[in-house]
Amino acid sequence: MLAVTHNPAASRFEADVAGRLAVCAYRLTDGVLYLTHTEVPGAAQGQGIAAALVQQTLDWARREGLRVRPQCSYVASYMRRHPETRDLLA
């Protein structure tokens, strides 16, 4: 299982993937979580890492009572594929 860590100082959720960093970056403004960028090292793409990062980020947003505004195309696509996350949309 992928270990995803919240790094609030860097405004991102991250995971070490074979010594490289995978991230889901955000900006938090007035209770809205703007998901700005998701990145997975090339060799690790297609393994569900981005999905795990985004899910952990959305789970955190839900626990914190935040609304979400996806600015990253991957996050927008993820939320379209997972209707159970759409109630978080700002």
C-alpha atoms as a PDB file:
ATOM      1  CA  MET A   1       0.000   0.000   0.000  1.00  0.00           C
ATOM      2  CA  LEU A   2       1.177   3.493  -0.867  1.00  0.00           C
ATOM      3  CA  ALA A   3       2.051   5.691   2.120  1.00  0.00           C
ATOM      4  CA  VAL A   4       0.593   9.146   1.463  1.00  0.00           C
ATOM      5  CA  THR A   5       1.655  11.979   3.766  1.00  0.00           C
ATOM      6  CA  HIS A   6       0.133  15.424   4.211  1.00  0.00           C
ATOM      7  CA  ASN A   7       2.811  18.116   4.095  1.00  0.00           C
ATOM      8  CA  PRO A   8       0.902  21.284   5.079  1.00  0.00           C
ATOM      9  CA  ALA A   9       4.075  23.420   5.051  1.00  0.00           C
ATOM     10  CA  ALA A  10       4.421  22.655   1.327  1.00  0.00           C
ATOM     11  CA  SER A  11       0.624  22.670   0.694  1.00  0.00           C
ATOM     12  CA  ARG A  12       0.562  19.178  -0.748  1.00  0.00           C
ATOM     13  CA  PHE A  13      -0.040  15.500  -0.201  1.00  0.00           C
ATOM     14  CA  GLU A  14       2.973  13.424  -1.180  1.00  0.00           C
ATOM     15  CA  ALA A  15       4.310   9.920  -1.497  1.00  0.00           C
ATOM     16  CA  ASP A  16       7.767   8.496  -1.992  1.00  0.00           C
ATOM     17  CA  VAL A  17       7.753   6.339  -5.106  1.00  0.00           C
ATOM     18  CA  ALA A  18      11.046   4.476  -5.503  1.00  0.00           C
ATOM     19  CA  GLY A  19      12.976   7.467  -4.168  1.00  0.00           C
ATOM     20  CA  ARG A  20      11.053  10.034  -6.249  1.00  0.00           C
ATOM     21  CA  LEU A  21       8.301  12.331  -5.037  1.00  0.00           C
ATOM     22  CA  ALA A  22       4.689  12.110  -6.254  1.00  0.00           C
ATOM     23  CA  VAL A  23       2.467  15.032  -5.231  1.00  0.00           C
ATOM     24  CA  CYS A  24      -1.028  16.474  -5.192  1.00  0.00           C
ATOM     25  CA  ALA A  25      -0.538  20.204  -4.578  1.00  0.00           C
ATOM     26  CA  TYR A  26      -3.166  22.610  -3.329  1.00  0.00           C
ATOM     27  CA  ARG A  27      -3.866  26.175  -2.283  1.00  0.00           C
ATOM     28  CA  LEU A  28      -6.311  26.772   0.579  1.00  0.00           C
ATOM     29  CA  THR A  29      -8.240  30.061   0.512  1.00  0.00           C
ATOM     30  CA  ASP A  30     -11.347  30.932   2.544  1.00  0.00           C
ATOM     31  CA  GLY A  31     -12.413  27.315   3.061  1.00  0.00           C
ATOM     32  CA  VAL A  32     -11.913  26.366  -0.592  1.00  0.00           C
ATOM     33  CA  LEU A  33      -9.225  23.851  -1.478  1.00  0.00           C
ATOM     34  CA  TYR A  34      -7.881  24.632  -4.959  1.00  0.00           C
ATOM     35  CA  LEU A  35      -6.225  21.459  -6.253  1.00  0.00           C
ATOM     36  CA  THR A  36      -3.581  22.904  -8.535  1.00  0.00           C
ATOM     37  CA  HIS A  37      -1.271  20.111  -9.649  1.00  0.00           C
ATOM     38  CA  THR A  38      -0.841  16.348  -9.512  1.00  0.00           C
ATOM     39  CA  GLU A  39       2.467  14.812 -10.531  1.00  0.00           C
ATOM     40  CA  VAL A  40       3.780  11.250 -10.555  1.00  0.00           C
ATOM     41  CA  PRO A  41       7.296  10.298 -11.729  1.00  0.00           C
ATOM     42  CA  GLY A  42       7.186   8.963 -15.302  1.00  0.00           C
ATOM     43  CA  ALA A  43       8.292   5.426 -14.485  1.00  0.00           C
ATOM     44  CA  ALA A  44       5.517   5.116 -11.875  1.00  0.00           C
ATOM     45  CA  GLN A  45       2.630   6.411 -13.974  1.00  0.00           C
ATOM     46  CA  GLY A  46      -0.326   4.126 -14.602  1.00  0.00           C
ATOM     47  CA  GLN A  47      -0.078   2.419 -11.208  1.00  0.00           C
ATOM     48  CA  GLY A  48      -2.869   4.291  -9.409  1.00  0.00           C
ATOM     49  CA  ILE A  49      -0.520   6.594  -7.504  1.00  0.00           C
ATOM     50  CA  ALA A  50      -2.179   9.826  -8.642  1.00  0.00           C
ATOM     51  CA  ALA A  51      -5.583   8.377  -7.748  1.00  0.00           C
ATOM     52  CA  ALA A  52      -4.356   7.475  -4.256  1.00  0.00           C
ATOM     53  CA  LEU A  53      -2.952  10.985  -3.742  1.00  0.00           C
ATOM     54  CA  VAL A  54      -6.163  12.642  -4.912  1.00  0.00           C
ATOM     55  CA  GLN A  55      -8.361  10.350  -2.812  1.00  0.00           C
ATOM     56  CA  GLN A  56      -6.349  11.094   0.332  1.00  0.00           C
ATOM     57  CA  THR A  57      -6.542  14.821  -0.428  1.00  0.00           C
ATOM     58  CA  LEU A  58     -10.306  14.681  -0.942  1.00  0.00           C
ATOM     59  CA  ASP A  59     -10.750  12.593   2.222  1.00  0.00           C
ATOM     60  CA  TRP A  60      -8.864  15.273   4.161  1.00  0.00           C
ATOM     61  CA  ALA A  61     -10.973  18.035   2.583  1.00  0.00           C
ATOM     62  CA  ARG A  62     -14.140  16.200   3.651  1.00  0.00           C
ATOM     63  CA  ARG A  63     -12.888  15.724   7.238  1.00  0.00           C
ATOM     64  CA  GLU A  64     -11.964  19.424   7.422  1.00  0.00           C
ATOM     65  CA  GLY A  65     -15.286  20.602   5.976  1.00  0.00           C
ATOM     66  CA  LEU A  66     -13.616  22.198   2.949  1.00  0.00           C
ATOM     67  CA  ARG A  67     -15.071  22.750  -0.511  1.00  0.00           C
ATOM     68  CA  VAL A  68     -12.930  21.729  -3.497  1.00  0.00           C
ATOM     69  CA  ARG A  69     -12.196  23.477  -6.755  1.00  0.00           C
ATOM     70  CA  PRO A  70     -10.103  21.303  -9.128  1.00  0.00           C
ATOM     71  CA  GLN A  71      -7.697  23.331 -11.244  1.00  0.00           C
ATOM     72  CA  CYS A  72      -5.696  20.268 -12.245  1.00  0.00           C
ATOM     73  CA  SER A  73      -7.125  18.324 -15.185  1.00  0.00           C
ATOM     74  CA  TYR A  74      -6.357  14.996 -13.485  1.00  0.00           C
ATOM     75  CA  VAL A  75      -8.311  15.962 -10.358  1.00  0.00           C
ATOM     76  CA  ALA A  76     -11.271  17.169 -12.446  1.00  0.00           C
ATOM     77  CA  SER A  77     -11.262  13.878 -14.363  1.00  0.00           C
ATOM     78  CA  TYR A  78     -10.961  11.865 -11.130  1.00  0.00           C
ATOM     79  CA  MET A  79     -13.967  13.643  -9.630  1.00  0.00           C
ATOM     80  CA  ARG A  80     -16.034  13.037 -12.769  1.00  0.00           C
ATOM     81  CA  ARG A  81     -15.195   9.303 -12.542  1.00  0.00           C
ATOM     82  CA  HIS A  82     -16.037   9.196  -8.806  1.00  0.00           C
ATOM     83  CA  PRO A  83     -19.470  10.768  -8.323  1.00  0.00           C
ATOM     84  CA  GLU A  84     -19.262  10.218  -4.566  1.00  0.00           C
ATOM     85  CA  THR A  85     -16.741  13.100  -4.450  1.00  0.00           C
ATOM     86  CA  ARG A  86     -18.867  15.656  -6.317  1.00  0.00           C
ATOM     87  CA  ASP A  87     -20.586  16.950  -3.188  1.00  0.00           C
ATOM     88  CA  LEU A  88     -17.219  18.509  -2.290  1.00  0.00           C
ATOM     89  CA  LEU A  89     -17.237  20.801  -5.345  1.00  0.00           C
ATOM     90  CA  ALA A  90     -17.235  24.520  -4.556  1.00  0.00           C
END
